[in-house]
């Protein structure tokens, strides 16, 4: 896969961690997962794509 091994992926993860910080990492992962899911739905020909993120109960209280 593009010639990336474990050491290269660890270096990339360390750079992302330094740039975005540990607090933002789950949000970035969630957004990336939703993007991949939407891409797969679009590739399969399904018409419905999630555009707006769903807010959780904890977000509404703050």
PDB file of N, CA and C in Angstrom:
ATOM      1  N   UNK A   1       0.844  -1.187   0.000  1.00  0.00           N
ATOM      2  CA  UNK A   1       0.000   0.000   0.000  1.00  0.00           C
ATOM      3  C   UNK A   1       0.883   1.241   0.000  1.00  0.00           C
ATOM      4  N   UNK A   2       1.200   1.763  -1.135  1.00  0.00           N
ATOM      5  CA  UNK A   2       1.985   2.979  -1.321  1.00  0.00           C
ATOM      6  C   UNK A   2       3.378   2.879  -0.709  1.00  0.00           C
ATOM      7  N   UNK A   3       3.838   1.685  -0.352  1.00  0.00           N
ATOM      8  CA  UNK A   3       5.162   1.523   0.213  1.00  0.00           C
ATOM      9  C   UNK A   3       5.282   1.978   1.655  1.00  0.00           C
ATOM     10  N   UNK A   4       4.152   2.166   2.346  1.00  0.00           N
ATOM     11  CA  UNK A   4       4.193   2.572   3.751  1.00  0.00           C
ATOM     12  C   UNK A   4       4.307   1.348   4.630  1.00  0.00           C
ATOM     13  N   UNK A   5       5.285   1.361   5.512  1.00  0.00           N
ATOM     14  CA  UNK A   5       5.421   0.304   6.495  1.00  0.00           C
ATOM     15  C   UNK A   5       5.041   0.835   7.861  1.00  0.00           C
ATOM     16  N   UNK A   6       5.248   0.034   8.867  1.00  0.00           N
ATOM     17  CA  UNK A   6       4.911   0.433  10.231  1.00  0.00           C
ATOM     18  C   UNK A   6       5.718   1.657  10.680  1.00  0.00           C
ATOM     19  N   UNK A   7       7.020   1.723  10.436  1.00  0.00           N
ATOM     20  CA  UNK A   7       7.761   2.917  10.884  1.00  0.00           C
ATOM     21  C   UNK A   7       7.263   4.213  10.236  1.00  0.00           C
ATOM     22  N   UNK A   8       6.940   4.154   8.949  1.00  0.00           N
ATOM     23  CA  UNK A   8       6.446   5.352   8.274  1.00  0.00           C
ATOM     24  C   UNK A   8       5.101   5.798   8.832  1.00  0.00           C
ATOM     25  N   UNK A   9       4.215   4.821   9.082  1.00  0.00           N
ATOM     26  CA  UNK A   9       2.902   5.162   9.638  1.00  0.00           C
ATOM     27  C   UNK A   9       3.025   5.737  11.041  1.00  0.00           C
ATOM     28  N   UNK A  10       3.961   5.248  11.838  1.00  0.00           N
ATOM     29  CA  UNK A  10       4.175   5.798  13.181  1.00  0.00           C
ATOM     30  C   UNK A  10       4.701   7.231  13.111  1.00  0.00           C
ATOM     31  N   UNK A  11       5.565   7.507  12.154  1.00  0.00           N
ATOM     32  CA  UNK A  11       6.069   8.872  11.990  1.00  0.00           C
ATOM     33  C   UNK A  11       4.940   9.801  11.575  1.00  0.00           C
ATOM     34  N   UNK A  12       4.095   9.367  10.653  1.00  0.00           N
ATOM     35  CA  UNK A  12       2.953  10.182  10.223  1.00  0.00           C
ATOM     36  C   UNK A  12       2.003  10.421  11.388  1.00  0.00           C
ATOM     37  N   UNK A  13       1.727   9.391  12.181  1.00  0.00           N
ATOM     38  CA  UNK A  13       0.859   9.546  13.353  1.00  0.00           C
ATOM     39  C   UNK A  13       1.451  10.534  14.350  1.00  0.00           C
ATOM     40  N   UNK A  14       2.758  10.490  14.568  1.00  0.00           N
ATOM     41  CA  UNK A  14       3.415  11.420  15.490  1.00  0.00           C
ATOM     42  C   UNK A  14       3.299  12.854  14.984  1.00  0.00           C
ATOM     43  N   UNK A  15       3.468  13.053  13.685  1.00  0.00           N
ATOM     44  CA  UNK A  15       3.344  14.401  13.116  1.00  0.00           C
ATOM     45  C   UNK A  15       1.927  14.918  13.265  1.00  0.00           C
ATOM     46  N   UNK A  16       0.942  14.072  12.987  1.00  0.00           N
ATOM     47  CA  UNK A  16      -0.462  14.479  13.135  1.00  0.00           C
ATOM     48  C   UNK A  16      -0.763  14.801  14.593  1.00  0.00           C
ATOM     49  N   UNK A  17      -0.235  14.020  15.505  1.00  0.00           N
ATOM     50  CA  UNK A  17      -0.453  14.253  16.931  1.00  0.00           C
ATOM     51  C   UNK A  17       0.135  15.585  17.366  1.00  0.00           C
ATOM     52  N   UNK A  18       1.311  15.928  16.865  1.00  0.00           N
ATOM     53  CA  UNK A  18       1.947  17.197  17.217  1.00  0.00           C
ATOM     54  C   UNK A  18       1.179  18.371  16.615  1.00  0.00           C
ATOM     55  N   UNK A  19       0.748  18.238  15.373  1.00  0.00           N
ATOM     56  CA  UNK A  19       0.078  19.341  14.690  1.00  0.00           C
ATOM     57  C   UNK A  19      -1.306  19.607  15.277  1.00  0.00           C
ATOM     58  N   UNK A  20      -2.096  18.566  15.470  1.00  0.00           N
ATOM     59  CA  UNK A  20      -3.483  18.753  15.899  1.00  0.00           C
ATOM     60  C   UNK A  20      -3.686  18.595  17.392  1.00  0.00           C
ATOM     61  N   UNK A  21      -2.823  17.905  18.080  1.00  0.00           N
ATOM     62  CA  UNK A  21      -2.977  17.681  19.507  1.00  0.00           C
ATOM     63  C   UNK A  21      -3.825  16.453  19.783  1.00  0.00           C
ATOM     64  N   UNK A  22      -3.674  15.922  20.985  1.00  0.00           N
ATOM     65  CA  UNK A  22      -4.374  14.689  21.345  1.00  0.00           C
ATOM     66  C   UNK A  22      -5.881  14.898  21.477  1.00  0.00           C
ATOM     67  N   UNK A  23      -6.314  16.098  21.824  1.00  0.00           N
ATOM     68  CA  UNK A  23      -7.740  16.368  22.005  1.00  0.00           C
ATOM     69  C   UNK A  23      -8.532  16.335  20.715  1.00  0.00           C
ATOM     70  N   UNK A  24      -7.932  16.750  19.627  1.00  0.00           N
ATOM     71  CA  UNK A  24      -8.620  16.805  18.335  1.00  0.00           C
ATOM     72  C   UNK A  24      -8.555  15.495  17.565  1.00  0.00           C
ATOM     73  N   UNK A  25      -7.698  14.581  17.983  1.00  0.00           N
ATOM     74  CA  UNK A  25      -7.501  13.341  17.240  1.00  0.00           C
ATOM     75  C   UNK A  25      -8.779  12.518  17.090  1.00  0.00           C
ATOM     76  N   UNK A  26      -9.605  12.342  18.139  1.00  0.00           N
ATOM     77  CA  UNK A  26     -10.865  11.593  17.945  1.00  0.00           C
ATOM     78  C   UNK A  26     -11.828  12.268  16.959  1.00  0.00           C
ATOM     79  N   UNK A  27     -11.861  13.595  16.987  1.00  0.00           N
ATOM     80  CA  UNK A  27     -12.733  14.312  16.056  1.00  0.00           C
ATOM     81  C   UNK A  27     -12.273  14.113  14.614  1.00  0.00           C
ATOM     82  N   UNK A  28     -10.975  14.159  14.412  1.00  0.00           N
ATOM     83  CA  UNK A  28     -10.429  13.965  13.069  1.00  0.00           C
ATOM     84  C   UNK A  28     -10.715  12.552  12.585  1.00  0.00           C
ATOM     85  N   UNK A  29     -10.544  11.579  13.478  1.00  0.00           N
ATOM     86  CA  UNK A  29     -10.827  10.182  13.118  1.00  0.00           C
ATOM     87  C   UNK A  29     -12.288   9.969  12.782  1.00  0.00           C
ATOM     88  N   UNK A  30     -13.175  10.592  13.554  1.00  0.00           N
ATOM     89  CA  UNK A  30     -14.609  10.476  13.274  1.00  0.00           C
ATOM     90  C   UNK A  30     -14.980  11.109  11.947  1.00  0.00           C
ATOM     91  N   UNK A  31     -14.417  12.275  11.675  1.00  0.00           N
ATOM     92  CA  UNK A  31     -14.698  12.939  10.400  1.00  0.00           C
ATOM     93  C   UNK A  31     -14.157  12.129   9.232  1.00  0.00           C
ATOM     94  N   UNK A  32     -12.990  11.543   9.407  1.00  0.00           N
ATOM     95  CA  UNK A  32     -12.412  10.719   8.351  1.00  0.00           C
ATOM     96  C   UNK A  32     -13.268   9.475   8.111  1.00  0.00           C
ATOM     97  N   UNK A  33     -13.753   8.862   9.184  1.00  0.00           N
ATOM     98  CA  UNK A  33     -14.617   7.690   9.052  1.00  0.00           C
ATOM     99  C   UNK A  33     -15.925   8.005   8.333  1.00  0.00           C
ATOM    100  N   UNK A  34     -16.532   9.148   8.679  1.00  0.00           N
ATOM    101  CA  UNK A  34     -17.768   9.557   8.011  1.00  0.00           C
ATOM    102  C   UNK A  34     -17.520   9.856   6.536  1.00  0.00           C
ATOM    103  N   UNK A  35     -16.377  10.446   6.241  1.00  0.00           N
ATOM    104  CA  UNK A  35     -16.053  10.741   4.849  1.00  0.00           C
ATOM    105  C   UNK A  35     -15.893   9.464   4.036  1.00  0.00           C
ATOM    106  N   UNK A  36     -15.217   8.489   4.608  1.00  0.00           N
ATOM    107  CA  UNK A  36     -15.032   7.214   3.907  1.00  0.00           C
ATOM    108  C   UNK A  36     -16.374   6.513   3.726  1.00  0.00           C
ATOM    109  N   UNK A  37     -17.229   6.546   4.756  1.00  0.00           N
ATOM    110  CA  UNK A  37     -18.551   5.921   4.669  1.00  0.00           C
ATOM    111  C   UNK A  37     -19.394   6.585   3.594  1.00  0.00           C
ATOM    112  N   UNK A  38     -19.366   7.925   3.538  1.00  0.00           N
ATOM    113  CA  UNK A  38     -20.123   8.636   2.507  1.00  0.00           C
ATOM    114  C   UNK A  38     -19.582   8.341   1.114  1.00  0.00           C
ATOM    115  N   UNK A  39     -18.267   8.224   0.989  1.00  0.00           N
ATOM    116  CA  UNK A  39     -17.678   7.892  -0.295  1.00  0.00           C
ATOM    117  C   UNK A  39     -18.112   6.500  -0.749  1.00  0.00           C
ATOM    118  N   UNK A  40     -18.143   5.549   0.172  1.00  0.00           N
ATOM    119  CA  UNK A  40     -18.572   4.192  -0.179  1.00  0.00           C
ATOM    120  C   UNK A  40     -20.042   4.172  -0.590  1.00  0.00           C
ATOM    121  N   UNK A  41     -20.881   4.940   0.120  1.00  0.00           N
ATOM    122  CA  UNK A  41     -22.297   5.008  -0.253  1.00  0.00           C
ATOM    123  C   UNK A  41     -22.459   5.601  -1.643  1.00  0.00           C
ATOM    124  N   UNK A  42     -21.686   6.653  -1.941  1.00  0.00           N
ATOM    125  CA  UNK A  42     -21.771   7.287  -3.256  1.00  0.00           C
ATOM    126  C   UNK A  42     -21.256   6.354  -4.348  1.00  0.00           C
ATOM    127  N   UNK A  43     -20.221   5.590  -4.039  1.00  0.00           N
ATOM    128  CA  UNK A  43     -19.666   4.667  -5.025  1.00  0.00           C
ATOM    129  C   UNK A  43     -20.624   3.517  -5.304  1.00  0.00           C
ATOM    130  N   UNK A  44     -21.422   3.127  -4.300  1.00  0.00           N
ATOM    131  CA  UNK A  44     -22.391   2.058  -4.481  1.00  0.00           C
ATOM    132  C   UNK A  44     -23.642   2.536  -5.205  1.00  0.00           C
ATOM    133  N   UNK A  45     -23.799   3.842  -5.367  1.00  0.00           N
ATOM    134  CA  UNK A  45     -24.933   4.382  -6.083  1.00  0.00           C
ATOM    135  C   UNK A  45     -26.101   4.738  -5.185  1.00  0.00           C
ATOM    136  N   UNK A  46     -25.914   4.705  -3.884  1.00  0.00           N
ATOM    137  CA  UNK A  46     -26.996   5.106  -2.983  1.00  0.00           C
ATOM    138  C   UNK A  46     -27.126   6.624  -3.026  1.00  0.00           C
ATOM    139  N   UNK A  47     -28.376   7.101  -3.026  1.00  0.00           N
ATOM    140  CA  UNK A  47     -28.621   8.530  -3.177  1.00  0.00           C
ATOM    141  C   UNK A  47     -28.435   9.316  -1.889  1.00  0.00           C
ATOM    142  N   UNK A  48     -28.623   8.700  -0.747  1.00  0.00           N
ATOM    143  CA  UNK A  48     -28.600   9.419   0.518  1.00  0.00           C
ATOM    144  C   UNK A  48     -27.172   9.503   1.052  1.00  0.00           C
ATOM    145  N   UNK A  49     -26.715  10.743   1.283  1.00  0.00           N
ATOM    146  CA  UNK A  49     -25.386  10.987   1.838  1.00  0.00           C
ATOM    147  C   UNK A  49     -25.546  11.895   3.048  1.00  0.00           C
ATOM    148  N   UNK A  50     -24.872  11.554   4.138  1.00  0.00           N
ATOM    149  CA  UNK A  50     -24.942  12.344   5.362  1.00  0.00           C
ATOM    150  C   UNK A  50     -24.124  13.615   5.180  1.00  0.00           C
ATOM    151  N   UNK A  51     -24.802  14.773   5.274  1.00  0.00           N
ATOM    152  CA  UNK A  51     -24.128  16.046   5.080  1.00  0.00           C
ATOM    153  C   UNK A  51     -23.886  16.739   6.415  1.00  0.00           C
ATOM    154  N   UNK A  52     -24.893  16.793   7.257  1.00  0.00           N
ATOM    155  CA  UNK A  52     -24.772  17.469   8.539  1.00  0.00           C
ATOM    156  C   UNK A  52     -24.414  16.461   9.620  1.00  0.00           C
ATOM    157  N   UNK A  53     -23.436  16.794  10.464  1.00  0.00           N
ATOM    158  CA  UNK A  53     -23.105  15.880  11.566  1.00  0.00           C
ATOM    159  C   UNK A  53     -24.209  15.889  12.612  1.00  0.00           C
ATOM    160  N   UNK A  54     -24.431  14.732  13.212  1.00  0.00           N
ATOM    161  CA  UNK A  54     -25.442  14.626  14.255  1.00  0.00           C
ATOM    162  C   UNK A  54     -24.850  15.108  15.569  1.00  0.00           C
ATOM    163  N   UNK A  55     -25.621  15.894  16.316  1.00  0.00           N
ATOM    164  CA  UNK A  55     -25.151  16.389  17.607  1.00  0.00           C
ATOM    165  C   UNK A  55     -25.566  15.418  18.694  1.00  0.00           C
ATOM    166  N   UNK A  56     -24.668  15.199  19.627  1.00  0.00           N
ATOM    167  CA  UNK A  56     -24.954  14.303  20.734  1.00  0.00           C
ATOM    168  C   UNK A  56     -25.551  15.089  21.885  1.00  0.00           C
ATOM    169  N   UNK A  57     -26.107  14.377  22.861  1.00  0.00           N
ATOM    170  CA  UNK A  57     -26.722  15.011  24.023  1.00  0.00           C
ATOM    171  C   UNK A  57     -25.711  15.833  24.815  1.00  0.00           C
ATOM    172  N   UNK A  58     -24.475  15.358  24.917  1.00  0.00           N
ATOM    173  CA  UNK A  58     -23.465  16.087  25.694  1.00  0.00           C
ATOM    174  C   UNK A  58     -23.113  17.417  25.024  1.00  0.00           C
ATOM    175  N   UNK A  59     -23.176  17.481  23.688  1.00  0.00           N
ATOM    176  CA  UNK A  59     -22.894  18.732  22.992  1.00  0.00           C
ATOM    177  C   UNK A  59     -24.000  19.757  23.202  1.00  0.00           C
ATOM    178  N   UNK A  60     -25.229  19.301  23.316  1.00  0.00           N
ATOM    179  CA  UNK A  60     -26.344  20.215  23.480  1.00  0.00           C
ATOM    180  C   UNK A  60     -26.338  20.887  24.858  1.00  0.00           C
ATOM    181  N   UNK A  61     -25.834  20.200  25.878  1.00  0.00           N
ATOM    182  CA  UNK A  61     -25.833  20.732  27.246  1.00  0.00           C
ATOM    183  C   UNK A  61     -24.797  21.829  27.428  1.00  0.00           C
ATOM    184  N   UNK A  62     -23.704  21.802  26.673  1.00  0.00           N
ATOM    185  CA  UNK A  62     -22.625  22.775  26.859  1.00  0.00           C
ATOM    186  C   UNK A  62     -22.958  24.117  26.328  1.00  0.00           C
TER     187      UNK A  62
END
